[in-house]
Amino acid sequence: MPPRFVVVIASLLWMGALSCALDLALEGAWKGWKELHGKAYQEEEEAFRRAVWEKNLHRVHQHNVEASLGKHTFQLAMNHLGDLTDEEFNEMLNGFYPEPNETYNKNAALFQGSATPSTPKEVDWRTKGYVTPVKNQGRCGACWAFSATGALEGLLFNQTGKLVPLSEQNLIDCSQKLGNHGCHGGYITRAFQYVRDNGGLNSEQDYPYPACHYNPQNRMANCSSLVMLPQGSEVALEQAVATVGPVSVAVDAKNFPFHFYKSGIFSSSWCSHLVNHAMLLVGYGSSQEYGTSTDYWILKNSWSEYWGEKGYMRLVKGAGNHCGVANQASYPTR
């Protein structure tokens, strides 16, 4: 029998076995989830995606049972990304490149914090008009662009009082000469460098899609330089957020609990300091949940409002630079 037919028959047998293993009690939930998120599959793919979804749903449920017993400080929930394997999730959505140590401060100023810092107990730039609505990067590893535009949007508001959504597509299309790779990953700092060198960035309205057609007459935001924070210093990060505004950061988001985070203060043993996903730090605060006082960072994500606390995460603060949140922090300046 020709090898091609052996592969086809093996695939059919595998899909048949997979279909038999599916939990029929979840049929209604599966159909409801597909309808809610507009999911449709080819017949040969549906069983696989259903199996992935069921596995993720089981893991979410198991975590929440443990959370109810006091083992976790946060809850998970099924979301629009539930049909992705861990490998697909990380390949498609975590596209941040850490700046190499030898070039970390080469093209930027180093943040100079106060030796005797005095910062507010809580900061939330959303309440002051600095932060645009949560966006959705889709299945594109351009988190670096969304984090960069978030910081630039805050800078623009600080300078003009105007809150304008800026164009990630402008950065995705046009900053490749600096080492960014569009949907396949990039550097926040080099996004800022592109805006500085280019003399500006268009708004989402003027630059929706899809080719590099930056128009300087329509430029909405600009920056003259960028500032990088000392690697690993949450003290410096707090000072910067309190005095400057939203700051671009990166975290380790490759773990399952991060993918399906829903609410609470995120603190996971699965988190390392090897950062791979860019977010926007918009503030910090403290909570009395679970009978103890816990400090947290407020992070804006770009995975839509279906993820987390309407698109945001509270990440434990002051716990040894959890998830590497202070490892690659930077912001643009005028």
C-alpha atoms as a PDB file:
ATOM      1  CA  MET A   1       0.000   0.000   0.000  1.00  0.00           C
ATOM      2  CA  PRO A   2       1.459   3.416  -0.956  1.00  0.00           C
ATOM      3  CA  PRO A   3       2.733   5.482   2.041  1.00  0.00           C
ATOM      4  CA  ARG A   4       0.299   8.336   1.291  1.00  0.00           C
ATOM      5  CA  PHE A   5      -2.701   6.043   1.808  1.00  0.00           C
ATOM      6  CA  VAL A   6      -1.225   4.678   5.033  1.00  0.00           C
ATOM      7  CA  VAL A   7      -1.009   8.235   6.387  1.00  0.00           C
ATOM      8  CA  VAL A   8      -4.578   9.028   5.285  1.00  0.00           C
ATOM      9  CA  ILE A   9      -5.985   5.858   6.878  1.00  0.00           C
ATOM     10  CA  ALA A  10      -4.030   6.464  10.103  1.00  0.00           C
ATOM     11  CA  SER A  11      -5.359  10.029  10.264  1.00  0.00           C
ATOM     12  CA  LEU A  12      -8.945   8.864   9.762  1.00  0.00           C
ATOM     13  CA  LEU A  13      -8.596   6.223  12.472  1.00  0.00           C
ATOM     14  CA  TRP A  14      -7.105   8.820  14.840  1.00  0.00           C
ATOM     15  CA  MET A  15      -9.924  11.286  14.190  1.00  0.00           C
ATOM     16  CA  GLY A  16     -12.491   8.528  14.694  1.00  0.00           C
ATOM     17  CA  ALA A  17     -10.978   7.567  18.032  1.00  0.00           C
ATOM     18  CA  LEU A  18     -10.883  11.221  19.041  1.00  0.00           C
ATOM     19  CA  SER A  19     -14.558  11.675  18.203  1.00  0.00           C
ATOM     20  CA  CYS A  20     -15.482   8.675  20.338  1.00  0.00           C
ATOM     21  CA  ALA A  21     -13.498  10.100  23.271  1.00  0.00           C
ATOM     22  CA  LEU A  22     -15.362  13.438  23.273  1.00  0.00           C
ATOM     23  CA  ASP A  23     -17.653  14.168  26.206  1.00  0.00           C
ATOM     24  CA  LEU A  24     -21.200  14.208  24.836  1.00  0.00           C
ATOM     25  CA  ALA A  25     -22.415  15.984  27.977  1.00  0.00           C
ATOM     26  CA  LEU A  26     -20.501  19.059  26.782  1.00  0.00           C
ATOM     27  CA  GLU A  27     -22.200  19.197  23.386  1.00  0.00           C
ATOM     28  CA  GLY A  28     -24.429  22.128  24.335  1.00  0.00           C
ATOM     29  CA  ALA A  29     -21.583  24.058  25.941  1.00  0.00           C
ATOM     30  CA  TRP A  30     -19.392  23.492  22.878  1.00  0.00           C
ATOM     31  CA  LYS A  31     -22.070  24.742  20.501  1.00  0.00           C
ATOM     32  CA  GLY A  32     -22.748  27.750  22.730  1.00  0.00           C
ATOM     33  CA  TRP A  33     -19.050  28.638  22.886  1.00  0.00           C
ATOM     34  CA  LYS A  34     -18.709  28.396  19.102  1.00  0.00           C
ATOM     35  CA  GLU A  35     -21.739  30.597  18.574  1.00  0.00           C
ATOM     36  CA  LEU A  36     -20.586  33.194  21.115  1.00  0.00           C
ATOM     37  CA  HIS A  37     -17.176  33.572  19.496  1.00  0.00           C
ATOM     38  CA  GLY A  38     -18.166  33.015  15.857  1.00  0.00           C
ATOM     39  CA  LYS A  39     -16.172  29.786  15.486  1.00  0.00           C
ATOM     40  CA  ALA A  40     -16.568  27.536  12.458  1.00  0.00           C
ATOM     41  CA  TYR A  41     -14.379  24.623  11.378  1.00  0.00           C
ATOM     42  CA  GLN A  42     -13.917  22.283   8.478  1.00  0.00           C
ATOM     43  CA  GLU A  43     -15.375  18.872   9.283  1.00  0.00           C
ATOM     44  CA  GLU A  44     -11.957  17.235   9.485  1.00  0.00           C
ATOM     45  CA  GLU A  45     -10.743  19.839  12.052  1.00  0.00           C
ATOM     46  CA  GLU A  46     -13.773  20.052  14.323  1.00  0.00           C
ATOM     47  CA  ALA A  47     -13.060  16.944  16.399  1.00  0.00           C
ATOM     48  CA  PHE A  48      -9.506  18.065  17.088  1.00  0.00           C
ATOM     49  CA  ARG A  49     -10.541  21.575  18.132  1.00  0.00           C
ATOM     50  CA  ARG A  50     -13.316  20.140  20.288  1.00  0.00           C
ATOM     51  CA  ALA A  51     -10.814  17.864  22.048  1.00  0.00           C
ATOM     52  CA  VAL A  52      -8.432  20.778  22.681  1.00  0.00           C
ATOM     53  CA  TRP A  53     -11.316  22.876  24.011  1.00  0.00           C
ATOM     54  CA  GLU A  54     -12.468  20.089  26.333  1.00  0.00           C
ATOM     55  CA  LYS A  55      -8.960  19.621  27.701  1.00  0.00           C
ATOM     56  CA  ASN A  56      -8.616  23.353  28.353  1.00  0.00           C
ATOM     57  CA  LEU A  57     -12.064  23.479  29.963  1.00  0.00           C
ATOM     58  CA  HIS A  58     -11.130  20.629  32.290  1.00  0.00           C
ATOM     59  CA  ARG A  59      -7.905  22.385  33.317  1.00  0.00           C
ATOM     60  CA  VAL A  60      -9.802  25.632  33.953  1.00  0.00           C
ATOM     61  CA  HIS A  61     -12.319  23.784  36.132  1.00  0.00           C
ATOM     62  CA  GLN A  62      -9.584  21.976  38.078  1.00  0.00           C
ATOM     63  CA  HIS A  63      -7.780  25.255  38.802  1.00  0.00           C
ATOM     64  CA  ASN A  64     -10.964  26.910  40.048  1.00  0.00           C
ATOM     65  CA  VAL A  65     -11.714  23.965  42.352  1.00  0.00           C
ATOM     66  CA  GLU A  66      -8.240  24.436  43.830  1.00  0.00           C
ATOM     67  CA  ALA A  67      -8.836  28.199  44.078  1.00  0.00           C
ATOM     68  CA  SER A  68     -12.027  27.556  46.065  1.00  0.00           C
ATOM     69  CA  LEU A  69      -9.878  25.593  48.517  1.00  0.00           C
ATOM     70  CA  GLY A  70      -7.498  28.533  48.934  1.00  0.00           C
ATOM     71  CA  LYS A  71      -4.670  27.208  46.758  1.00  0.00           C
ATOM     72  CA  HIS A  72      -4.760  30.126  44.300  1.00  0.00           C
ATOM     73  CA  THR A  73      -5.473  33.869  44.503  1.00  0.00           C
ATOM     74  CA  PHE A  74      -7.033  34.097  41.060  1.00  0.00           C
ATOM     75  CA  GLN A  75      -9.647  32.395  38.906  1.00  0.00           C
ATOM     76  CA  LEU A  76      -9.620  31.100  35.342  1.00  0.00           C
ATOM     77  CA  ALA A  77     -12.379  30.977  32.717  1.00  0.00           C
ATOM     78  CA  MET A  78     -12.869  29.622  29.226  1.00  0.00           C
ATOM     79  CA  ASN A  79     -12.387  32.392  26.662  1.00  0.00           C
ATOM     80  CA  HIS A  80     -12.269  32.925  22.897  1.00  0.00           C
ATOM     81  CA  LEU A  81      -8.835  31.269  22.720  1.00  0.00           C
ATOM     82  CA  GLY A  82     -10.011  27.959  24.152  1.00  0.00           C
ATOM     83  CA  ASP A  83      -9.512  25.953  20.951  1.00  0.00           C
ATOM     84  CA  LEU A  84      -5.752  26.552  20.905  1.00  0.00           C
ATOM     85  CA  THR A  85      -3.120  24.199  22.273  1.00  0.00           C
ATOM     86  CA  ASP A  86      -0.463  25.672  24.551  1.00  0.00           C
ATOM     87  CA  GLU A  87       2.034  25.485  21.703  1.00  0.00           C
ATOM     88  CA  GLU A  88      -0.271  27.291  19.260  1.00  0.00           C
ATOM     89  CA  PHE A  89      -1.107  29.916  21.833  1.00  0.00           C
ATOM     90  CA  ASN A  90       2.520  30.783  22.492  1.00  0.00           C
ATOM     91  CA  GLU A  91       3.462  30.703  18.817  1.00  0.00           C
ATOM     92  CA  MET A  92       0.599  32.963  17.712  1.00  0.00           C
ATOM     93  CA  LEU A  93       0.183  35.424  20.571  1.00  0.00           C
ATOM     94  CA  ASN A  94       3.445  35.847  22.487  1.00  0.00           C
ATOM     95  CA  GLY A  95       5.679  37.782  20.118  1.00  0.00           C
ATOM     96  CA  PHE A  96       7.852  39.953  22.340  1.00  0.00           C
ATOM     97  CA  TYR A  97      11.616  40.006  21.782  1.00  0.00           C
ATOM     98  CA  PRO A  98      13.722  40.991  24.832  1.00  0.00           C
ATOM     99  CA  GLU A  99      16.371  43.585  24.074  1.00  0.00           C
ATOM    100  CA  PRO A 100      19.813  41.894  24.345  1.00  0.00           C
ATOM    101  CA  ASN A 101      21.795  42.931  27.416  1.00  0.00           C
ATOM    102  CA  GLU A 102      24.625  44.364  25.335  1.00  0.00           C
ATOM    103  CA  THR A 103      22.259  46.796  23.574  1.00  0.00           C
ATOM    104  CA  TYR A 104      19.717  47.336  26.362  1.00  0.00           C
ATOM    105  CA  ASN A 105      20.674  50.977  27.004  1.00  0.00           C
ATOM    106  CA  LYS A 106      22.482  51.691  23.758  1.00  0.00           C
ATOM    107  CA  ASN A 107      19.748  53.737  22.093  1.00  0.00           C
ATOM    108  CA  ALA A 108      17.902  54.963  25.154  1.00  0.00           C
ATOM    109  CA  ALA A 109      18.299  56.962  28.330  1.00  0.00           C
ATOM    110  CA  LEU A 110      18.329  55.053  31.614  1.00  0.00           C
ATOM    111  CA  PHE A 111      15.558  55.961  34.037  1.00  0.00           C
ATOM    112  CA  GLN A 112      16.887  57.957  36.998  1.00  0.00           C
ATOM    113  CA  GLY A 113      14.711  57.250  40.003  1.00  0.00           C
ATOM    114  CA  SER A 114      14.721  59.184  43.244  1.00  0.00           C
ATOM    115  CA  ALA A 115      16.968  57.953  46.025  1.00  0.00           C
ATOM    116  CA  THR A 116      14.138  58.710  48.458  1.00  0.00           C
ATOM    117  CA  PRO A 117      11.037  57.801  46.473  1.00  0.00           C
ATOM    118  CA  SER A 118       7.663  59.099  47.540  1.00  0.00           C
ATOM    119  CA  THR A 119       4.908  57.647  45.399  1.00  0.00           C
ATOM    120  CA  PRO A 120       1.130  57.399  45.865  1.00  0.00           C
ATOM    121  CA  LYS A 121      -0.239  54.211  47.414  1.00  0.00           C
ATOM    122  CA  GLU A 122      -2.375  53.649  44.331  1.00  0.00           C
ATOM    123  CA  VAL A 123      -2.167  54.793  40.700  1.00  0.00           C
ATOM    124  CA  ASP A 124      -4.601  54.072  37.871  1.00  0.00           C
ATOM    125  CA  TRP A 125      -4.074  56.040  34.665  1.00  0.00           C
ATOM    126  CA  ARG A 126      -7.352  54.722  33.250  1.00  0.00           C
ATOM    127  CA  THR A 127      -9.252  57.024  35.592  1.00  0.00           C
ATOM    128  CA  LYS A 128      -7.264  60.023  34.345  1.00  0.00           C
ATOM    129  CA  GLY A 129      -8.023  59.504  30.655  1.00  0.00           C
ATOM    130  CA  TYR A 130      -4.623  58.159  29.546  1.00  0.00           C
ATOM    131  CA  VAL A 131      -5.730  54.720  28.337  1.00  0.00           C
ATOM    132  CA  THR A 132      -7.696  53.755  25.202  1.00  0.00           C
ATOM    133  CA  PRO A 133     -10.178  50.826  25.166  1.00  0.00           C
ATOM    134  CA  VAL A 134      -8.785  47.291  25.197  1.00  0.00           C
ATOM    135  CA  LYS A 135      -7.772  46.069  21.731  1.00  0.00           C
ATOM    136  CA  ASN A 136      -7.492  42.615  20.168  1.00  0.00           C
ATOM    137  CA  GLN A 137      -4.312  41.564  18.382  1.00  0.00           C
ATOM    138  CA  GLY A 138      -6.064  38.468  17.004  1.00  0.00           C
ATOM    139  CA  ARG A 139      -3.883  35.515  16.087  1.00  0.00           C
ATOM    140  CA  CYS A 140      -0.931  37.750  15.399  1.00  0.00           C
ATOM    141  CA  GLY A 141       2.215  37.914  17.531  1.00  0.00           C
ATOM    142  CA  ALA A 142       2.272  41.721  17.551  1.00  0.00           C
ATOM    143  CA  CYS A 143       1.851  42.304  21.286  1.00  0.00           C
ATOM    144  CA  TRP A 144       4.984  44.475  21.082  1.00  0.00           C
ATOM    145  CA  ALA A 145       3.165  46.938  18.793  1.00  0.00           C
ATOM    146  CA  PHE A 146       0.092  47.105  21.035  1.00  0.00           C
ATOM    147  CA  SER A 147       2.205  47.776  24.110  1.00  0.00           C
ATOM    148  CA  ALA A 148       4.134  50.502  22.281  1.00  0.00           C
ATOM    149  CA  THR A 149       1.029  52.284  21.002  1.00  0.00           C
ATOM    150  CA  GLY A 150      -0.423  52.150  24.513  1.00  0.00           C
ATOM    151  CA  ALA A 151       2.541  54.039  25.938  1.00  0.00           C
ATOM    152  CA  LEU A 152       2.484  56.503  23.022  1.00  0.00           C
ATOM    153  CA  GLU A 153      -1.255  57.065  23.501  1.00  0.00           C
ATOM    154  CA  GLY A 154      -0.570  57.993  27.123  1.00  0.00           C
ATOM    155  CA  LEU A 155       2.225  60.338  26.088  1.00  0.00           C
ATOM    156  CA  LEU A 156      -0.020  61.988  23.494  1.00  0.00           C
ATOM    157  CA  PHE A 157      -2.779  62.503  26.059  1.00  0.00           C
ATOM    158  CA  ASN A 158      -0.291  63.982  28.515  1.00  0.00           C
ATOM    159  CA  GLN A 159       0.908  66.461  25.873  1.00  0.00           C
ATOM    160  CA  THR A 160      -2.393  67.385  24.196  1.00  0.00           C
ATOM    161  CA  GLY A 161      -5.282  66.202  26.355  1.00  0.00           C
ATOM    162  CA  LYS A 162      -6.494  64.103  23.401  1.00  0.00           C
ATOM    163  CA  LEU A 163      -6.970  60.345  23.732  1.00  0.00           C
ATOM    164  CA  VAL A 164      -6.471  58.863  20.268  1.00  0.00           C
ATOM    165  CA  PRO A 165      -6.082  55.153  19.396  1.00  0.00           C
ATOM    166  CA  LEU A 166      -2.824  54.826  17.472  1.00  0.00           C
ATOM    167  CA  SER A 167      -2.005  52.461  14.636  1.00  0.00           C
ATOM    168  CA  GLU A 168      -0.371  49.146  15.480  1.00  0.00           C
ATOM    169  CA  GLN A 169      -0.522  48.302  11.784  1.00  0.00           C
ATOM    170  CA  ASN A 170       1.723  51.289  11.050  1.00  0.00           C
ATOM    171  CA  LEU A 171       4.347  49.729  13.340  1.00  0.00           C
ATOM    172  CA  ILE A 172       3.780  46.183  12.060  1.00  0.00           C
ATOM    173  CA  ASP A 173       4.219  47.223   8.434  1.00  0.00           C
ATOM    174  CA  CYS A 174       6.947  49.800   8.660  1.00  0.00           C
ATOM    175  CA  SER A 175       9.419  49.025  11.465  1.00  0.00           C
ATOM    176  CA  GLN A 176      10.921  45.861  10.012  1.00  0.00           C
ATOM    177  CA  LYS A 177      14.167  47.596   9.104  1.00  0.00           C
ATOM    178  CA  LEU A 178      14.809  47.969  12.836  1.00  0.00           C
ATOM    179  CA  GLY A 179      14.455  44.234  13.463  1.00  0.00           C
ATOM    180  CA  ASN A 180      10.746  43.853  14.104  1.00  0.00           C
ATOM    181  CA  HIS A 181       8.918  41.043  12.320  1.00  0.00           C
ATOM    182  CA  GLY A 182       5.268  42.064  12.295  1.00  0.00           C
ATOM    183  CA  CYS A 183       3.004  39.218  13.410  1.00  0.00           C
ATOM    184  CA  HIS A 184       6.078  37.084  14.086  1.00  0.00           C
ATOM    185  CA  GLY A 185       7.381  39.212  16.950  1.00  0.00           C
ATOM    186  CA  GLY A 186       9.259  42.401  17.695  1.00  0.00           C
ATOM    187  CA  TYR A 187      10.813  44.815  20.190  1.00  0.00           C
ATOM    188  CA  ILE A 188       8.918  47.560  22.018  1.00  0.00           C
ATOM    189  CA  THR A 189      11.992  49.779  22.111  1.00  0.00           C
ATOM    190  CA  ARG A 190      12.484  49.517  18.356  1.00  0.00           C
ATOM    191  CA  ALA A 191       8.863  50.487  17.837  1.00  0.00           C
ATOM    192  CA  PHE A 192       9.623  53.680  19.755  1.00  0.00           C
ATOM    193  CA  GLN A 193      12.786  54.136  17.672  1.00  0.00           C
ATOM    194  CA  TYR A 194      10.756  53.834  14.479  1.00  0.00           C
ATOM    195  CA  VAL A 195       8.352  56.567  15.621  1.00  0.00           C
ATOM    196  CA  ARG A 196      11.264  58.810  16.586  1.00  0.00           C
ATOM    197  CA  ASP A 197      13.192  58.231  13.361  1.00  0.00           C
ATOM    198  CA  ASN A 198      10.071  58.404  11.217  1.00  0.00           C
ATOM    199  CA  GLY A 199       8.904  61.650  12.725  1.00  0.00           C
ATOM    200  CA  GLY A 200       5.555  60.308  13.872  1.00  0.00           C
ATOM    201  CA  LEU A 201       2.894  57.607  13.859  1.00  0.00           C
ATOM    202  CA  ASN A 202      -0.566  57.559  12.311  1.00  0.00           C
ATOM    203  CA  SER A 203      -3.822  56.975  14.159  1.00  0.00           C
ATOM    204  CA  GLU A 204      -5.866  53.780  13.751  1.00  0.00           C
ATOM    205  CA  GLN A 205      -8.418  55.752  11.768  1.00  0.00           C
ATOM    206  CA  ASP A 206      -5.847  56.997   9.249  1.00  0.00           C
ATOM    207  CA  TYR A 207      -3.859  53.755   9.072  1.00  0.00           C
ATOM    208  CA  PRO A 208      -6.159  50.740   9.416  1.00  0.00           C
ATOM    209  CA  TYR A 209      -4.606  48.232   6.942  1.00  0.00           C
ATOM    210  CA  PRO A 210      -2.593  46.655   5.250  1.00  0.00           C
ATOM    211  CA  ALA A 211       0.571  47.985   3.498  1.00  0.00           C
ATOM    212  CA  CYS A 212       3.179  50.487   4.595  1.00  0.00           C
ATOM    213  CA  HIS A 213       1.531  53.777   3.685  1.00  0.00           C
ATOM    214  CA  TYR A 214       2.481  56.110   6.520  1.00  0.00           C
ATOM    215  CA  ASN A 215       1.399  59.650   5.717  1.00  0.00           C
ATOM    216  CA  PRO A 216       3.357  62.341   7.586  1.00  0.00           C
ATOM    217  CA  GLN A 217       0.522  64.805   7.000  1.00  0.00           C
ATOM    218  CA  ASN A 218      -1.707  62.604   9.151  1.00  0.00           C
ATOM    219  CA  ARG A 219       0.755  61.915  11.932  1.00  0.00           C
ATOM    220  CA  MET A 220      -0.919  61.893  15.294  1.00  0.00           C
ATOM    221  CA  ALA A 221       1.811  61.016  17.786  1.00  0.00           C
ATOM    222  CA  ASN A 222       5.558  61.426  17.995  1.00  0.00           C
ATOM    223  CA  CYS A 223       8.392  60.917  20.445  1.00  0.00           C
ATOM    224  CA  SER A 224      11.895  62.313  20.574  1.00  0.00           C
ATOM    225  CA  SER A 225      13.520  59.671  22.753  1.00  0.00           C
ATOM    226  CA  LEU A 226      12.897  56.619  24.867  1.00  0.00           C
ATOM    227  CA  VAL A 227      13.746  55.700  28.428  1.00  0.00           C
ATOM    228  CA  MET A 228      14.537  52.227  29.722  1.00  0.00           C
ATOM    229  CA  LEU A 229      14.233  51.190  33.340  1.00  0.00           C
ATOM    230  CA  PRO A 230      16.836  49.278  35.361  1.00  0.00           C
ATOM    231  CA  GLN A 231      16.251  45.603  34.704  1.00  0.00           C
ATOM    232  CA  GLY A 232      14.425  43.818  37.483  1.00  0.00           C
ATOM    233  CA  SER A 233      13.722  46.869  39.669  1.00  0.00           C
ATOM    234  CA  GLU A 234      10.101  47.060  40.795  1.00  0.00           C
ATOM    235  CA  VAL A 235      11.005  50.133  42.854  1.00  0.00           C
ATOM    236  CA  ALA A 236      12.063  52.017  39.720  1.00  0.00           C
ATOM    237  CA  LEU A 237       9.018  50.674  37.880  1.00  0.00           C
ATOM    238  CA  GLU A 238       6.688  52.054  40.572  1.00  0.00           C
ATOM    239  CA  GLN A 239       8.359  55.462  40.408  1.00  0.00           C
ATOM    240  CA  ALA A 240       8.082  55.560  36.621  1.00  0.00           C
ATOM    241  CA  VAL A 241       4.408  54.578  36.565  1.00  0.00           C
ATOM    242  CA  ALA A 242       3.583  57.073  39.316  1.00  0.00           C
ATOM    243  CA  THR A 243       5.382  60.033  37.724  1.00  0.00           C
ATOM    244  CA  VAL A 244       5.312  59.418  33.961  1.00  0.00           C
ATOM    245  CA  GLY A 245       2.172  57.531  32.997  1.00  0.00           C
ATOM    246  CA  PRO A 246       1.589  54.133  31.348  1.00  0.00           C
ATOM    247  CA  VAL A 247       4.781  52.132  30.813  1.00  0.00           C
ATOM    248  CA  SER A 248       5.454  49.355  28.301  1.00  0.00           C
ATOM    249  CA  VAL A 249       6.501  46.103  29.956  1.00  0.00           C
ATOM    250  CA  ALA A 250       6.903  42.427  29.136  1.00  0.00           C
ATOM    251  CA  VAL A 251       6.037  39.309  31.127  1.00  0.00           C
ATOM    252  CA  ASP A 252       6.279  35.537  30.956  1.00  0.00           C
ATOM    253  CA  ALA A 253       2.879  34.602  29.498  1.00  0.00           C
ATOM    254  CA  LYS A 254       3.644  31.142  28.163  1.00  0.00           C
ATOM    255  CA  ASN A 255       1.891  29.261  30.979  1.00  0.00           C
ATOM    256  CA  PHE A 256      -1.654  27.882  30.867  1.00  0.00           C
ATOM    257  CA  PRO A 257      -3.018  29.866  33.863  1.00  0.00           C
ATOM    258  CA  PHE A 258      -1.975  33.115  32.169  1.00  0.00           C
ATOM    259  CA  HIS A 259      -3.795  32.136  28.964  1.00  0.00           C
ATOM    260  CA  PHE A 260      -7.109  31.640  30.759  1.00  0.00           C
ATOM    261  CA  TYR A 261      -6.789  34.198  33.570  1.00  0.00           C
ATOM    262  CA  LYS A 262     -10.171  35.665  34.483  1.00  0.00           C
ATOM    263  CA  SER A 263      -9.991  37.562  37.788  1.00  0.00           C
ATOM    264  CA  GLY A 264      -8.100  38.036  41.036  1.00  0.00           C
ATOM    265  CA  ILE A 265      -4.437  38.765  41.683  1.00  0.00           C
ATOM    266  CA  PHE A 266      -2.293  36.601  39.437  1.00  0.00           C
ATOM    267  CA  SER A 267       0.540  34.760  41.152  1.00  0.00           C
ATOM    268  CA  SER A 268       1.684  31.474  39.678  1.00  0.00           C
ATOM    269  CA  SER A 269       4.561  29.101  40.276  1.00  0.00           C
ATOM    270  CA  TRP A 270       4.547  28.510  36.511  1.00  0.00           C
ATOM    271  CA  CYS A 271       5.769  32.071  35.873  1.00  0.00           C
ATOM    272  CA  SER A 272       9.481  32.616  35.181  1.00  0.00           C
ATOM    273  CA  HIS A 273      11.566  35.727  34.479  1.00  0.00           C
ATOM    274  CA  LEU A 274      11.971  34.786  30.801  1.00  0.00           C
ATOM    275  CA  VAL A 275       9.629  37.343  29.267  1.00  0.00           C
ATOM    276  CA  ASN A 276       7.840  36.724  25.956  1.00  0.00           C
ATOM    277  CA  HIS A 277       4.676  38.854  25.909  1.00  0.00           C
ATOM    278  CA  ALA A 278       4.338  42.650  25.877  1.00  0.00           C
ATOM    279  CA  MET A 279       1.673  44.488  27.873  1.00  0.00           C
ATOM    280  CA  LEU A 280       0.969  48.013  29.097  1.00  0.00           C
ATOM    281  CA  LEU A 281       1.384  48.835  32.785  1.00  0.00           C
ATOM    282  CA  VAL A 282      -1.283  51.413  33.645  1.00  0.00           C
ATOM    283  CA  GLY A 283      -1.116  51.521  37.434  1.00  0.00           C
ATOM    284  CA  TYR A 284      -0.899  49.673  40.714  1.00  0.00           C
ATOM    285  CA  GLY A 285      -2.884  49.199  43.897  1.00  0.00           C
ATOM    286  CA  SER A 286      -3.561  47.029  46.912  1.00  0.00           C
ATOM    287  CA  SER A 287      -6.323  44.566  47.782  1.00  0.00           C
ATOM    288  CA  GLN A 288      -7.629  42.992  50.971  1.00  0.00           C
ATOM    289  CA  GLU A 289      -8.797  39.808  49.236  1.00  0.00           C
ATOM    290  CA  TYR A 290      -8.418  36.457  51.010  1.00  0.00           C
ATOM    291  CA  GLY A 291      -7.930  38.138  54.378  1.00  0.00           C
ATOM    292  CA  THR A 292      -4.520  39.635  53.610  1.00  0.00           C
ATOM    293  CA  SER A 293      -3.269  42.812  51.980  1.00  0.00           C
ATOM    294  CA  THR A 294      -1.730  42.128  48.569  1.00  0.00           C
ATOM    295  CA  ASP A 295      -0.123  44.686  46.263  1.00  0.00           C
ATOM    296  CA  TYR A 296      -0.645  44.377  42.521  1.00  0.00           C
ATOM    297  CA  TRP A 297       0.213  45.872  39.152  1.00  0.00           C
ATOM    298  CA  ILE A 298      -2.570  46.748  36.689  1.00  0.00           C
ATOM    299  CA  LEU A 299      -1.714  45.434  33.220  1.00  0.00           C
ATOM    300  CA  LYS A 300      -3.591  46.113  29.986  1.00  0.00           C
ATOM    301  CA  ASN A 301      -3.512  43.196  27.553  1.00  0.00           C
ATOM    302  CA  SER A 302      -4.314  43.006  23.826  1.00  0.00           C
ATOM    303  CA  TRP A 303      -6.301  39.748  23.801  1.00  0.00           C
ATOM    304  CA  SER A 304      -9.736  41.457  23.753  1.00  0.00           C
ATOM    305  CA  GLU A 305     -12.166  42.094  26.617  1.00  0.00           C
ATOM    306  CA  TYR A 306     -13.033  38.379  26.732  1.00  0.00           C
ATOM    307  CA  TRP A 307      -9.727  37.783  28.536  1.00  0.00           C
ATOM    308  CA  GLY A 308      -9.125  38.673  32.169  1.00  0.00           C
ATOM    309  CA  GLU A 309     -10.880  41.501  33.968  1.00  0.00           C
ATOM    310  CA  LYS A 310     -12.371  43.000  30.789  1.00  0.00           C
ATOM    311  CA  GLY A 311      -8.965  42.857  29.121  1.00  0.00           C
ATOM    312  CA  TYR A 312      -6.861  43.690  32.199  1.00  0.00           C
ATOM    313  CA  MET A 313      -4.858  41.693  34.717  1.00  0.00           C
ATOM    314  CA  ARG A 314      -3.866  42.328  38.298  1.00  0.00           C
ATOM    315  CA  LEU A 315      -0.387  40.847  38.755  1.00  0.00           C
ATOM    316  CA  VAL A 316       1.146  40.446  42.203  1.00  0.00           C
ATOM    317  CA  LYS A 317       3.540  43.337  42.968  1.00  0.00           C
ATOM    318  CA  GLY A 318       6.633  43.281  45.177  1.00  0.00           C
ATOM    319  CA  ALA A 319       6.964  39.508  45.032  1.00  0.00           C
ATOM    320  CA  GLY A 320      10.410  39.215  43.504  1.00  0.00           C
ATOM    321  CA  ASN A 321       9.625  40.711  40.096  1.00  0.00           C
ATOM    322  CA  HIS A 322       6.866  38.176  39.395  1.00  0.00           C
ATOM    323  CA  CYS A 323       6.695  36.969  35.768  1.00  0.00           C
ATOM    324  CA  GLY A 324       9.654  39.274  35.006  1.00  0.00           C
ATOM    325  CA  VAL A 325       7.397  42.348  34.854  1.00  0.00           C
ATOM    326  CA  ALA A 326      10.311  44.726  35.557  1.00  0.00           C
ATOM    327  CA  ASN A 327      12.826  43.114  33.197  1.00  0.00           C
ATOM    328  CA  GLN A 328      12.078  45.011  29.968  1.00  0.00           C
ATOM    329  CA  ALA A 329      10.223  48.207  30.957  1.00  0.00           C
ATOM    330  CA  SER A 330      10.423  51.328  28.799  1.00  0.00           C
ATOM    331  CA  TYR A 331       8.471  54.409  27.761  1.00  0.00           C
ATOM    332  CA  PRO A 332       8.695  57.168  25.126  1.00  0.00           C
ATOM    333  CA  THR A 333       9.277  60.870  25.854  1.00  0.00           C
ATOM    334  CA  ARG A 334       8.937  64.128  23.960  1.00  0.00           C
END
